[in-house]
Amino acid sequence: MRDYTLSNGKIAELEKLHRSLRDKRQADRVKAVLALSKGWSPAQVAEILLFDEKTSRHYFERYQQGGGQALLDDGYCGAEPKLNSHQLRKLERHLESHLLADAKSVIAYIKKQYNVNYSLSGVTDLLHRLGFSYKKPTHVPGKQDPAKQRVFLEEYEQIKATKGENDPIYFADATHPQHNSVPSYGWIKKGTEKELKANCGRQRLNINGAINIETLEPVTGFYDTINAQAAIHLFSKIQAKHPDADAIYIIIDNARYYRSCLLKESIEGTKLKLIFLPPYSPNLNLIERYWKFFKKKVLNNRYYETFDEFKQACKSFFRKRKKYVPELKTLLAENFHVQTA
């Protein structure tokens, strides 16, 4: 006796499909597959739905071969045609260079290019086999200059190779976390909703910081505003930590206050060496990853009743910095990604 068993997931998928249908003939096909999966015999299904046993078995085979789309397709003629190895390679190259929004777009492209029909489930399986997953692209500044970024990385490697043993390298930048909860992914039981309280205010903190790439120790400060004075204060805190250094390298972006005369005058005759990133290069500033990690730990799925509670939670994160070193060793690895030109 043939096995008509379906997984609970596929049964749920079919029930959802049935609820969406207005065409009685299509709805009866779905009913036939569901009934067979729940233990009805082909003869019983045929008697209730008024078609023969062969037809009820045929609908089940169609569903197994092509999913819901094949079951509903009046022009269906057997198992899905497959792309050959040459076509698969061409499809893979196309998908690597063009971002198609959904599986339906891939189905349409395959149909247009190769006159081959795929169902949603079939093309999804195909994409997985080709090594693709459904995710968002990474947002990067449109004005990045890959050539300048590569020059910077060469200079950076030169600094690392020639600096003194006691000379640290820091990556520095500011962040401005807002006092509001940030919904994020988490494990929630099926069929239930998890509520996260929100704050109505728009208060935010201004945190200036730097991360030592060797020790992974942050140096931070909370300020009313981020300006040249805030940068001078932060840099003085960094300098105080390294009395034995001959040079202290601080890698920064091109914010106006880093270029100010006030800051330049304050570091004259000191050990501080400011290294400027190429314009539009947050991908080269390791502290950007650190700030993202900070927000994940402090903001995501967390609610703070008052602004002071929120501020204290942020300060607590920096006080417990040693706790996060094992995670940061992987996160802050110097595997910089530079766009292709």
C-alpha atoms as a PDB file:
ATOM      1  CA  MET A   1       0.000   0.000   0.000  1.00  0.00           C
ATOM      2  CA  ARG A   2       1.310   3.402  -0.963  1.00  0.00           C
ATOM      3  CA  ASP A   3       2.381   5.828   1.760  1.00  0.00           C
ATOM      4  CA  TYR A   4       0.564   9.181   1.512  1.00  0.00           C
ATOM      5  CA  THR A   5       2.081  10.652   4.670  1.00  0.00           C
ATOM      6  CA  LEU A   6       2.924  14.374   4.690  1.00  0.00           C
ATOM      7  CA  SER A   7       4.753  16.389   7.340  1.00  0.00           C
ATOM      8  CA  ASN A   8       2.797  18.696   9.617  1.00  0.00           C
ATOM      9  CA  GLY A   9       4.446  21.627   7.890  1.00  0.00           C
ATOM     10  CA  LYS A  10       3.230  20.569   4.448  1.00  0.00           C
ATOM     11  CA  ILE A  11      -0.258  19.884   5.782  1.00  0.00           C
ATOM     12  CA  ALA A  12      -0.362  23.379   7.262  1.00  0.00           C
ATOM     13  CA  GLU A  13       0.894  24.772   3.951  1.00  0.00           C
ATOM     14  CA  LEU A  14      -1.898  22.995   2.055  1.00  0.00           C
ATOM     15  CA  GLU A  15      -4.571  24.129   4.514  1.00  0.00           C
ATOM     16  CA  LYS A  16      -3.419  27.708   4.099  1.00  0.00           C
ATOM     17  CA  LEU A  17      -3.454  27.303   0.308  1.00  0.00           C
ATOM     18  CA  HIS A  18      -6.989  25.893   0.437  1.00  0.00           C
ATOM     19  CA  ARG A  19      -8.267  28.879   2.420  1.00  0.00           C
ATOM     20  CA  SER A  20      -6.900  31.244  -0.223  1.00  0.00           C
ATOM     21  CA  LEU A  21      -8.588  29.548  -3.201  1.00  0.00           C
ATOM     22  CA  ARG A  22     -11.800  30.668  -4.897  1.00  0.00           C
ATOM     23  CA  ASP A  23     -11.722  28.150  -7.751  1.00  0.00           C
ATOM     24  CA  LYS A  24     -13.686  25.035  -6.689  1.00  0.00           C
ATOM     25  CA  ARG A  25     -11.718  22.682  -8.964  1.00  0.00           C
ATOM     26  CA  GLN A  26      -8.410  23.803  -7.500  1.00  0.00           C
ATOM     27  CA  ALA A  27      -9.789  23.591  -3.967  1.00  0.00           C
ATOM     28  CA  ASP A  28     -10.900  19.990  -4.602  1.00  0.00           C
ATOM     29  CA  ARG A  29      -7.370  19.045  -5.677  1.00  0.00           C
ATOM     30  CA  VAL A  30      -5.998  20.362  -2.398  1.00  0.00           C
ATOM     31  CA  LYS A  31      -8.750  18.520  -0.482  1.00  0.00           C
ATOM     32  CA  ALA A  32      -7.786  15.301  -2.252  1.00  0.00           C
ATOM     33  CA  VAL A  33      -4.128  15.572  -1.217  1.00  0.00           C
ATOM     34  CA  LEU A  34      -5.059  16.491   2.359  1.00  0.00           C
ATOM     35  CA  ALA A  35      -7.544  13.632   2.650  1.00  0.00           C
ATOM     36  CA  LEU A  36      -4.991  11.078   1.386  1.00  0.00           C
ATOM     37  CA  SER A  37      -2.405  12.401   3.830  1.00  0.00           C
ATOM     38  CA  LYS A  38      -4.881  11.936   6.693  1.00  0.00           C
ATOM     39  CA  GLY A  39      -5.560   8.269   5.962  1.00  0.00           C
ATOM     40  CA  TRP A  40      -8.392   8.288   3.465  1.00  0.00           C
ATOM     41  CA  SER A  41      -8.091   5.775   0.641  1.00  0.00           C
ATOM     42  CA  PRO A  42      -8.035   6.927  -3.004  1.00  0.00           C
ATOM     43  CA  ALA A  43     -11.447   5.262  -3.444  1.00  0.00           C
ATOM     44  CA  GLN A  44     -12.951   7.215  -0.518  1.00  0.00           C
ATOM     45  CA  VAL A  45     -11.519  10.481  -1.803  1.00  0.00           C
ATOM     46  CA  ALA A  46     -12.853   9.785  -5.300  1.00  0.00           C
ATOM     47  CA  GLU A  47     -16.336   8.997  -3.972  1.00  0.00           C
ATOM     48  CA  ILE A  48     -16.579  12.167  -1.888  1.00  0.00           C
ATOM     49  CA  LEU A  49     -15.058  14.554  -4.449  1.00  0.00           C
ATOM     50  CA  LEU A  50     -16.707  12.909  -7.478  1.00  0.00           C
ATOM     51  CA  PHE A  51     -13.666  11.894  -9.517  1.00  0.00           C
ATOM     52  CA  ASP A  52     -11.942   8.531 -10.048  1.00  0.00           C
ATOM     53  CA  GLU A  53      -9.235   6.882  -7.925  1.00  0.00           C
ATOM     54  CA  LYS A  54      -6.543   7.434 -10.539  1.00  0.00           C
ATOM     55  CA  THR A  55      -7.185  11.176 -10.474  1.00  0.00           C
ATOM     56  CA  SER A  56      -6.896  11.388  -6.677  1.00  0.00           C
ATOM     57  CA  ARG A  57      -3.562   9.508  -6.809  1.00  0.00           C
ATOM     58  CA  HIS A  58      -2.424  11.728  -9.684  1.00  0.00           C
ATOM     59  CA  TYR A  59      -3.051  14.910  -7.671  1.00  0.00           C
ATOM     60  CA  PHE A  60      -0.942  13.580  -4.813  1.00  0.00           C
ATOM     61  CA  GLU A  61       1.920  12.765  -7.217  1.00  0.00           C
ATOM     62  CA  ARG A  62       1.699  16.255  -8.716  1.00  0.00           C
ATOM     63  CA  TYR A  63       1.986  17.818  -5.302  1.00  0.00           C
ATOM     64  CA  GLN A  64       4.997  15.676  -4.384  1.00  0.00           C
ATOM     65  CA  GLN A  65       6.761  16.505  -7.645  1.00  0.00           C
ATOM     66  CA  GLY A  66       6.037  20.214  -7.897  1.00  0.00           C
ATOM     67  CA  GLY A  67       4.391  21.475  -4.726  1.00  0.00           C
ATOM     68  CA  GLY A  68       1.287  23.622  -4.545  1.00  0.00           C
ATOM     69  CA  GLN A  69       1.928  25.422  -7.833  1.00  0.00           C
ATOM     70  CA  ALA A  70       2.070  22.166  -9.790  1.00  0.00           C
ATOM     71  CA  LEU A  71      -1.107  20.946  -8.063  1.00  0.00           C
ATOM     72  CA  LEU A  72      -3.041  24.028  -9.210  1.00  0.00           C
ATOM     73  CA  ASP A  73      -1.503  24.333 -12.680  1.00  0.00           C
ATOM     74  CA  ASP A  74      -3.953  23.203 -15.373  1.00  0.00           C
ATOM     75  CA  GLY A  75      -1.081  22.880 -17.850  1.00  0.00           C
ATOM     76  CA  TYR A  76       1.013  20.656 -15.587  1.00  0.00           C
ATOM     77  CA  CYS A  77       2.740  17.808 -17.437  1.00  0.00           C
ATOM     78  CA  GLY A  78       4.870  15.831 -15.032  1.00  0.00           C
ATOM     79  CA  ALA A  79       7.932  16.448 -12.937  1.00  0.00           C
ATOM     80  CA  GLU A  80       9.688  19.789 -13.166  1.00  0.00           C
ATOM     81  CA  PRO A  81      12.227  20.040 -15.949  1.00  0.00           C
ATOM     82  CA  LYS A  82      15.732  20.588 -14.625  1.00  0.00           C
ATOM     83  CA  LEU A  83      18.425  22.956 -15.786  1.00  0.00           C
ATOM     84  CA  ASN A  84      21.569  21.301 -17.090  1.00  0.00           C
ATOM     85  CA  SER A  85      24.984  21.950 -15.532  1.00  0.00           C
ATOM     86  CA  HIS A  86      25.855  24.700 -18.038  1.00  0.00           C
ATOM     87  CA  GLN A  87      22.565  26.494 -17.400  1.00  0.00           C
ATOM     88  CA  LEU A  88      23.029  26.176 -13.643  1.00  0.00           C
ATOM     89  CA  ARG A  89      26.459  27.808 -13.842  1.00  0.00           C
ATOM     90  CA  LYS A  90      25.039  30.682 -15.903  1.00  0.00           C
ATOM     91  CA  LEU A  91      22.159  31.099 -13.465  1.00  0.00           C
ATOM     92  CA  GLU A  92      24.575  31.136 -10.524  1.00  0.00           C
ATOM     93  CA  ARG A  93      26.730  33.838 -12.157  1.00  0.00           C
ATOM     94  CA  HIS A  94      23.626  35.924 -12.910  1.00  0.00           C
ATOM     95  CA  LEU A  95      22.389  35.718  -9.318  1.00  0.00           C
ATOM     96  CA  GLU A  96      25.841  36.677  -8.019  1.00  0.00           C
ATOM     97  CA  SER A  97      25.846  39.867 -10.109  1.00  0.00           C
ATOM     98  CA  HIS A  98      22.113  40.723  -9.932  1.00  0.00           C
ATOM     99  CA  LEU A  99      19.991  40.855  -6.764  1.00  0.00           C
ATOM    100  CA  LEU A 100      16.564  39.334  -7.482  1.00  0.00           C
ATOM    101  CA  ALA A 101      14.001  40.291  -4.863  1.00  0.00           C
ATOM    102  CA  ASP A 102      12.216  36.968  -4.364  1.00  0.00           C
ATOM    103  CA  ALA A 103      11.767  33.387  -5.572  1.00  0.00           C
ATOM    104  CA  LYS A 104       9.063  34.467  -8.040  1.00  0.00           C
ATOM    105  CA  SER A 105      11.582  36.737  -9.772  1.00  0.00           C
ATOM    106  CA  VAL A 106      13.998  33.810 -10.098  1.00  0.00           C
ATOM    107  CA  ILE A 107      11.205  31.638 -11.535  1.00  0.00           C
ATOM    108  CA  ALA A 108      10.398  34.348 -14.093  1.00  0.00           C
ATOM    109  CA  TYR A 109      14.067  34.719 -15.058  1.00  0.00           C
ATOM    110  CA  ILE A 110      14.516  30.945 -15.549  1.00  0.00           C
ATOM    111  CA  LYS A 111      11.346  30.791 -17.632  1.00  0.00           C
ATOM    112  CA  LYS A 112      12.440  33.710 -19.825  1.00  0.00           C
ATOM    113  CA  GLN A 113      16.035  32.529 -20.309  1.00  0.00           C
ATOM    114  CA  TYR A 114      15.592  28.759 -20.539  1.00  0.00           C
ATOM    115  CA  ASN A 115      11.848  28.177 -21.014  1.00  0.00           C
ATOM    116  CA  VAL A 116      11.835  25.934 -17.949  1.00  0.00           C
ATOM    117  CA  ASN A 117       9.094  26.068 -15.309  1.00  0.00           C
ATOM    118  CA  TYR A 118       9.851  25.842 -11.585  1.00  0.00           C
ATOM    119  CA  SER A 119       7.491  25.947  -8.616  1.00  0.00           C
ATOM    120  CA  LEU A 120       8.183  28.150  -5.601  1.00  0.00           C
ATOM    121  CA  SER A 121       9.268  25.178  -3.514  1.00  0.00           C
ATOM    122  CA  GLY A 122      11.333  23.804  -6.390  1.00  0.00           C
ATOM    123  CA  VAL A 123      13.227  27.013  -7.072  1.00  0.00           C
ATOM    124  CA  THR A 124      13.790  27.546  -3.341  1.00  0.00           C
ATOM    125  CA  ASP A 125      15.398  24.115  -3.104  1.00  0.00           C
ATOM    126  CA  LEU A 126      17.473  24.927  -6.192  1.00  0.00           C
ATOM    127  CA  LEU A 127      18.731  28.202  -4.699  1.00  0.00           C
ATOM    128  CA  HIS A 128      19.754  26.427  -1.507  1.00  0.00           C
ATOM    129  CA  ARG A 129      21.635  23.800  -3.506  1.00  0.00           C
ATOM    130  CA  LEU A 130      23.506  26.574  -5.326  1.00  0.00           C
ATOM    131  CA  GLY A 131      24.581  28.034  -1.984  1.00  0.00           C
ATOM    132  CA  PHE A 132      22.245  31.045  -1.836  1.00  0.00           C
ATOM    133  CA  SER A 133      20.324  32.244   1.216  1.00  0.00           C
ATOM    134  CA  TYR A 134      17.604  34.899   1.520  1.00  0.00           C
ATOM    135  CA  LYS A 135      19.060  37.944   3.287  1.00  0.00           C
ATOM    136  CA  LYS A 136      19.496  41.678   2.944  1.00  0.00           C
ATOM    137  CA  PRO A 137      22.506  43.245   1.221  1.00  0.00           C
ATOM    138  CA  THR A 138      24.937  45.201   3.360  1.00  0.00           C
ATOM    139  CA  HIS A 139      24.354  48.959   3.255  1.00  0.00           C
ATOM    140  CA  VAL A 140      27.549  50.795   2.251  1.00  0.00           C
ATOM    141  CA  PRO A 141      28.229  54.430   1.319  1.00  0.00           C
ATOM    142  CA  GLY A 142      27.834  55.028  -2.387  1.00  0.00           C
ATOM    143  CA  LYS A 143      30.922  57.261  -2.551  1.00  0.00           C
ATOM    144  CA  GLN A 144      33.470  54.709  -1.336  1.00  0.00           C
ATOM    145  CA  ASP A 145      36.764  54.711  -3.248  1.00  0.00           C
ATOM    146  CA  PRO A 146      38.151  51.135  -3.258  1.00  0.00           C
ATOM    147  CA  ALA A 147      41.554  52.287  -4.538  1.00  0.00           C
ATOM    148  CA  LYS A 148      42.014  54.738  -1.649  1.00  0.00           C
ATOM    149  CA  GLN A 149      40.852  52.095   0.811  1.00  0.00           C
ATOM    150  CA  ARG A 150      43.449  49.626  -0.446  1.00  0.00           C
ATOM    151  CA  VAL A 151      46.172  52.289  -0.129  1.00  0.00           C
ATOM    152  CA  PHE A 152      45.073  52.923   3.447  1.00  0.00           C
ATOM    153  CA  LEU A 153      45.246  49.212   4.298  1.00  0.00           C
ATOM    154  CA  GLU A 154      48.781  49.028   2.910  1.00  0.00           C
ATOM    155  CA  GLU A 155      49.779  51.992   5.114  1.00  0.00           C
ATOM    156  CA  TYR A 156      48.031  50.392   8.084  1.00  0.00           C
ATOM    157  CA  GLU A 157      49.992  47.164   7.658  1.00  0.00           C
ATOM    158  CA  GLN A 158      53.174  49.225   7.439  1.00  0.00           C
ATOM    159  CA  ILE A 159      52.380  50.946  10.750  1.00  0.00           C
ATOM    160  CA  LYS A 160      51.753  47.590  12.414  1.00  0.00           C
ATOM    161  CA  ALA A 161      55.007  46.188  11.084  1.00  0.00           C
ATOM    162  CA  THR A 162      57.194  49.105  12.169  1.00  0.00           C
ATOM    163  CA  LYS A 163      55.633  50.433  15.394  1.00  0.00           C
ATOM    164  CA  GLY A 164      57.281  49.936  18.751  1.00  0.00           C
ATOM    165  CA  GLU A 165      56.331  47.060  21.033  1.00  0.00           C
ATOM    166  CA  ASN A 166      54.604  49.396  23.512  1.00  0.00           C
ATOM    167  CA  ASP A 167      52.900  51.514  20.866  1.00  0.00           C
ATOM    168  CA  PRO A 168      49.118  50.894  20.746  1.00  0.00           C
ATOM    169  CA  ILE A 169      46.709  51.323  17.855  1.00  0.00           C
ATOM    170  CA  TYR A 170      43.201  52.589  18.526  1.00  0.00           C
ATOM    171  CA  PHE A 171      40.153  52.943  16.297  1.00  0.00           C
ATOM    172  CA  ALA A 172      37.950  55.852  17.418  1.00  0.00           C
ATOM    173  CA  ASP A 173      34.505  57.266  16.691  1.00  0.00           C
ATOM    174  CA  ALA A 174      31.347  58.446  18.448  1.00  0.00           C
ATOM    175  CA  THR A 175      27.935  56.800  18.822  1.00  0.00           C
ATOM    176  CA  HIS A 176      24.558  58.255  19.807  1.00  0.00           C
ATOM    177  CA  PRO A 177      22.247  55.577  21.279  1.00  0.00           C
ATOM    178  CA  GLN A 178      18.651  56.694  21.735  1.00  0.00           C
ATOM    179  CA  HIS A 179      16.577  55.933  24.828  1.00  0.00           C
ATOM    180  CA  ASN A 180      14.150  53.555  23.190  1.00  0.00           C
ATOM    181  CA  SER A 181      13.816  49.794  22.989  1.00  0.00           C
ATOM    182  CA  VAL A 182      14.910  48.086  19.769  1.00  0.00           C
ATOM    183  CA  PRO A 183      12.922  44.987  18.705  1.00  0.00           C
ATOM    184  CA  SER A 184      15.197  42.217  17.526  1.00  0.00           C
ATOM    185  CA  TYR A 185      15.000  38.518  16.696  1.00  0.00           C
ATOM    186  CA  GLY A 186      14.609  35.976  19.495  1.00  0.00           C
ATOM    187  CA  TRP A 187      13.067  32.556  20.135  1.00  0.00           C
ATOM    188  CA  ILE A 188       9.313  32.949  20.653  1.00  0.00           C
ATOM    189  CA  LYS A 189       6.912  30.043  20.931  1.00  0.00           C
ATOM    190  CA  LYS A 190       4.820  29.443  17.809  1.00  0.00           C
ATOM    191  CA  GLY A 191       1.362  30.967  17.932  1.00  0.00           C
ATOM    192  CA  THR A 192       2.298  33.519  20.581  1.00  0.00           C
ATOM    193  CA  GLU A 193       3.418  37.137  20.517  1.00  0.00           C
ATOM    194  CA  LYS A 194       6.108  38.695  22.694  1.00  0.00           C
ATOM    195  CA  GLU A 195       5.536  42.332  23.606  1.00  0.00           C
ATOM    196  CA  LEU A 196       8.314  44.862  24.100  1.00  0.00           C
ATOM    197  CA  LYS A 197       7.521  48.168  25.776  1.00  0.00           C
ATOM    198  CA  ALA A 198       8.542  51.321  23.927  1.00  0.00           C
ATOM    199  CA  ASN A 199       9.640  54.727  25.204  1.00  0.00           C
ATOM    200  CA  CYS A 200       8.052  57.868  23.824  1.00  0.00           C
ATOM    201  CA  GLY A 201      11.015  60.183  24.372  1.00  0.00           C
ATOM    202  CA  ARG A 202      13.793  61.089  21.959  1.00  0.00           C
ATOM    203  CA  GLN A 203      16.613  61.561  24.463  1.00  0.00           C
ATOM    204  CA  ARG A 204      19.942  60.145  23.445  1.00  0.00           C
ATOM    205  CA  LEU A 205      23.456  59.777  24.767  1.00  0.00           C
ATOM    206  CA  ASN A 206      26.598  61.118  23.137  1.00  0.00           C
ATOM    207  CA  ILE A 207      29.416  58.628  23.662  1.00  0.00           C
ATOM    208  CA  ASN A 208      32.888  59.171  22.272  1.00  0.00           C
ATOM    209  CA  GLY A 209      35.113  56.127  22.319  1.00  0.00           C
ATOM    210  CA  ALA A 210      38.151  54.245  21.056  1.00  0.00           C
ATOM    211  CA  ILE A 211      39.076  50.548  21.058  1.00  0.00           C
ATOM    212  CA  ASN A 212      42.596  49.172  21.492  1.00  0.00           C
ATOM    213  CA  ILE A 213      42.932  46.511  18.800  1.00  0.00           C
ATOM    214  CA  GLU A 214      45.449  44.447  20.763  1.00  0.00           C
ATOM    215  CA  THR A 215      43.881  44.382  24.242  1.00  0.00           C
ATOM    216  CA  LEU A 216      40.291  45.031  23.008  1.00  0.00           C
ATOM    217  CA  GLU A 217      39.943  47.501  25.868  1.00  0.00           C
ATOM    218  CA  PRO A 218      37.652  50.461  25.177  1.00  0.00           C
ATOM    219  CA  VAL A 219      38.211  54.019  26.339  1.00  0.00           C
ATOM    220  CA  THR A 220      34.966  55.973  26.469  1.00  0.00           C
ATOM    221  CA  GLY A 221      33.449  59.216  27.657  1.00  0.00           C
ATOM    222  CA  PHE A 222      29.894  60.599  27.928  1.00  0.00           C
ATOM    223  CA  TYR A 223      29.483  64.177  26.658  1.00  0.00           C
ATOM    224  CA  ASP A 224      26.810  66.821  26.177  1.00  0.00           C
ATOM    225  CA  THR A 225      27.918  67.069  22.561  1.00  0.00           C
ATOM    226  CA  ILE A 226      30.642  65.514  20.428  1.00  0.00           C
ATOM    227  CA  ASN A 227      33.076  68.239  19.390  1.00  0.00           C
ATOM    228  CA  ALA A 228      36.787  69.082  19.446  1.00  0.00           C
ATOM    229  CA  GLN A 229      36.781  69.441  23.236  1.00  0.00           C
ATOM    230  CA  ALA A 230      35.247  65.980  23.627  1.00  0.00           C
ATOM    231  CA  ALA A 231      37.874  64.498  21.293  1.00  0.00           C
ATOM    232  CA  ILE A 232      40.692  66.245  23.199  1.00  0.00           C
ATOM    233  CA  HIS A 233      39.377  64.854  26.483  1.00  0.00           C
ATOM    234  CA  LEU A 234      39.110  61.325  25.088  1.00  0.00           C
ATOM    235  CA  PHE A 235      42.598  61.456  23.571  1.00  0.00           C
ATOM    236  CA  SER A 236      44.070  62.652  26.873  1.00  0.00           C
ATOM    237  CA  LYS A 237      42.517  59.630  28.608  1.00  0.00           C
ATOM    238  CA  ILE A 238      44.096  57.349  25.999  1.00  0.00           C
ATOM    239  CA  GLN A 239      47.488  58.998  26.362  1.00  0.00           C
ATOM    240  CA  ALA A 240      47.421  58.567  30.148  1.00  0.00           C
ATOM    241  CA  LYS A 241      47.088  54.810  29.693  1.00  0.00           C
ATOM    242  CA  HIS A 242      50.383  54.476  27.803  1.00  0.00           C
ATOM    243  CA  PRO A 243      53.243  56.249  29.632  1.00  0.00           C
ATOM    244  CA  ASP A 244      55.819  53.885  28.091  1.00  0.00           C
ATOM    245  CA  ALA A 245      54.701  54.306  24.495  1.00  0.00           C
ATOM    246  CA  ASP A 246      56.790  56.203  21.953  1.00  0.00           C
ATOM    247  CA  ALA A 247      53.740  56.694  19.717  1.00  0.00           C
ATOM    248  CA  ILE A 248      49.987  56.198  20.098  1.00  0.00           C
ATOM    249  CA  TYR A 249      48.165  55.672  16.809  1.00  0.00           C
ATOM    250  CA  ILE A 250      44.501  56.678  16.662  1.00  0.00           C
ATOM    251  CA  ILE A 251      42.592  55.890  13.489  1.00  0.00           C
ATOM    252  CA  ILE A 252      39.658  58.233  12.900  1.00  0.00           C
ATOM    253  CA  ASP A 253      37.234  59.351  10.210  1.00  0.00           C
ATOM    254  CA  ASN A 254      37.052  62.801   8.637  1.00  0.00           C
ATOM    255  CA  ALA A 255      34.646  64.457  11.077  1.00  0.00           C
ATOM    256  CA  ARG A 256      35.141  68.233  11.139  1.00  0.00           C
ATOM    257  CA  TYR A 257      36.197  68.386  14.806  1.00  0.00           C
ATOM    258  CA  TYR A 258      39.093  65.979  14.121  1.00  0.00           C
ATOM    259  CA  ARG A 259      40.421  68.521  11.614  1.00  0.00           C
ATOM    260  CA  SER A 260      39.967  71.535  13.898  1.00  0.00           C
ATOM    261  CA  CYS A 261      42.841  73.840  14.793  1.00  0.00           C
ATOM    262  CA  LEU A 262      41.973  73.402  18.466  1.00  0.00           C
ATOM    263  CA  LEU A 263      42.575  69.655  18.295  1.00  0.00           C
ATOM    264  CA  LYS A 264      45.725  70.001  16.206  1.00  0.00           C
ATOM    265  CA  GLU A 265      47.211  72.434  18.714  1.00  0.00           C
ATOM    266  CA  SER A 266      46.307  70.178  21.650  1.00  0.00           C
ATOM    267  CA  ILE A 267      48.267  67.189  20.313  1.00  0.00           C
ATOM    268  CA  GLU A 268      51.389  69.059  19.188  1.00  0.00           C
ATOM    269  CA  GLY A 269      54.421  67.662  20.990  1.00  0.00           C
ATOM    270  CA  THR A 270      52.489  64.639  22.279  1.00  0.00           C
ATOM    271  CA  LYS A 271      52.791  60.940  21.414  1.00  0.00           C
ATOM    272  CA  LEU A 272      49.484  60.988  19.577  1.00  0.00           C
ATOM    273  CA  LYS A 273      49.529  60.175  15.855  1.00  0.00           C
ATOM    274  CA  LEU A 274      46.190  60.711  14.141  1.00  0.00           C
ATOM    275  CA  ILE A 275      45.619  58.487  11.093  1.00  0.00           C
ATOM    276  CA  PHE A 276      42.699  59.520   8.897  1.00  0.00           C
ATOM    277  CA  LEU A 277      40.572  56.960   7.105  1.00  0.00           C
ATOM    278  CA  PRO A 278      39.653  57.512   3.458  1.00  0.00           C
ATOM    279  CA  PRO A 279      36.327  59.344   3.066  1.00  0.00           C
ATOM    280  CA  TYR A 280      33.160  57.201   3.384  1.00  0.00           C
ATOM    281  CA  SER A 281      34.955  54.217   4.915  1.00  0.00           C
ATOM    282  CA  PRO A 282      33.062  52.971   7.998  1.00  0.00           C
ATOM    283  CA  ASN A 283      33.914  49.448   6.800  1.00  0.00           C
ATOM    284  CA  LEU A 284      37.559  50.122   7.743  1.00  0.00           C
ATOM    285  CA  ASN A 285      36.816  51.467  11.222  1.00  0.00           C
ATOM    286  CA  LEU A 286      36.770  48.538  13.656  1.00  0.00           C
ATOM    287  CA  ILE A 287      34.987  50.538  16.336  1.00  0.00           C
ATOM    288  CA  GLU A 288      31.864  50.509  14.144  1.00  0.00           C
ATOM    289  CA  ARG A 289      31.621  46.779  14.840  1.00  0.00           C
ATOM    290  CA  TYR A 290      32.175  47.439  18.527  1.00  0.00           C
ATOM    291  CA  TRP A 291      29.325  49.971  18.641  1.00  0.00           C
ATOM    292  CA  LYS A 292      27.048  47.508  16.890  1.00  0.00           C
ATOM    293  CA  PHE A 293      27.976  44.879  19.498  1.00  0.00           C
ATOM    294  CA  PHE A 294      27.340  47.400  22.300  1.00  0.00           C
ATOM    295  CA  LYS A 295      23.856  48.207  20.972  1.00  0.00           C
ATOM    296  CA  LYS A 296      23.026  44.520  20.603  1.00  0.00           C
ATOM    297  CA  LYS A 297      23.915  43.858  24.233  1.00  0.00           C
ATOM    298  CA  VAL A 298      22.355  46.994  25.735  1.00  0.00           C
ATOM    299  CA  LEU A 299      19.468  48.015  23.452  1.00  0.00           C
ATOM    300  CA  ASN A 300      18.075  44.994  21.632  1.00  0.00           C
ATOM    301  CA  ASN A 301      14.881  43.613  23.224  1.00  0.00           C
ATOM    302  CA  ARG A 302      15.468  45.648  26.398  1.00  0.00           C
ATOM    303  CA  TYR A 303      13.276  48.266  28.014  1.00  0.00           C
ATOM    304  CA  TYR A 304      14.512  50.958  30.409  1.00  0.00           C
ATOM    305  CA  GLU A 305      11.795  52.851  32.249  1.00  0.00           C
ATOM    306  CA  THR A 306      13.846  56.023  32.743  1.00  0.00           C
ATOM    307  CA  PHE A 307      16.626  57.759  30.868  1.00  0.00           C
ATOM    308  CA  ASP A 308      18.874  57.406  33.924  1.00  0.00           C
ATOM    309  CA  GLU A 309      18.346  53.609  33.944  1.00  0.00           C
ATOM    310  CA  PHE A 310      19.288  53.566  30.277  1.00  0.00           C
ATOM    311  CA  LYS A 311      22.432  55.630  30.891  1.00  0.00           C
ATOM    312  CA  GLN A 312      23.499  53.398  33.795  1.00  0.00           C
ATOM    313  CA  ALA A 313      23.030  50.275  31.639  1.00  0.00           C
ATOM    314  CA  CYS A 314      25.339  51.778  29.013  1.00  0.00           C
ATOM    315  CA  LYS A 315      27.969  52.639  31.623  1.00  0.00           C
ATOM    316  CA  SER A 316      27.697  49.146  33.112  1.00  0.00           C
ATOM    317  CA  PHE A 317      28.479  47.636  29.711  1.00  0.00           C
ATOM    318  CA  PHE A 318      31.790  49.494  29.549  1.00  0.00           C
ATOM    319  CA  ARG A 319      32.667  48.657  33.166  1.00  0.00           C
ATOM    320  CA  LYS A 320      32.232  44.942  32.407  1.00  0.00           C
ATOM    321  CA  ARG A 321      34.466  45.128  29.335  1.00  0.00           C
ATOM    322  CA  LYS A 322      36.570  42.067  30.242  1.00  0.00           C
ATOM    323  CA  LYS A 323      33.431  39.926  30.149  1.00  0.00           C
ATOM    324  CA  TYR A 324      33.078  40.502  26.409  1.00  0.00           C
ATOM    325  CA  VAL A 325      36.693  39.944  25.311  1.00  0.00           C
ATOM    326  CA  PRO A 326      36.138  36.335  24.072  1.00  0.00           C
ATOM    327  CA  GLU A 327      33.336  37.495  21.747  1.00  0.00           C
ATOM    328  CA  LEU A 328      35.244  40.578  20.620  1.00  0.00           C
ATOM    329  CA  LYS A 329      38.312  38.558  19.585  1.00  0.00           C
ATOM    330  CA  THR A 330      36.285  37.118  16.726  1.00  0.00           C
ATOM    331  CA  LEU A 331      34.158  40.177  16.022  1.00  0.00           C
ATOM    332  CA  LEU A 332      37.083  42.609  15.800  1.00  0.00           C
ATOM    333  CA  ALA A 333      39.366  40.426  13.698  1.00  0.00           C
ATOM    334  CA  GLU A 334      41.087  42.598  11.096  1.00  0.00           C
ATOM    335  CA  ASN A 335      39.345  41.050   8.111  1.00  0.00           C
ATOM    336  CA  PHE A 336      38.519  44.309   6.354  1.00  0.00           C
ATOM    337  CA  HIS A 337      36.187  44.128   3.379  1.00  0.00           C
ATOM    338  CA  VAL A 338      36.872  46.478   0.485  1.00  0.00           C
ATOM    339  CA  GLN A 339      34.380  46.874  -2.350  1.00  0.00           C
ATOM    340  CA  THR A 340      35.487  45.832  -5.807  1.00  0.00           C
ATOM    341  CA  ALA A 341      35.914  48.777  -8.118  1.00  0.00           C
END
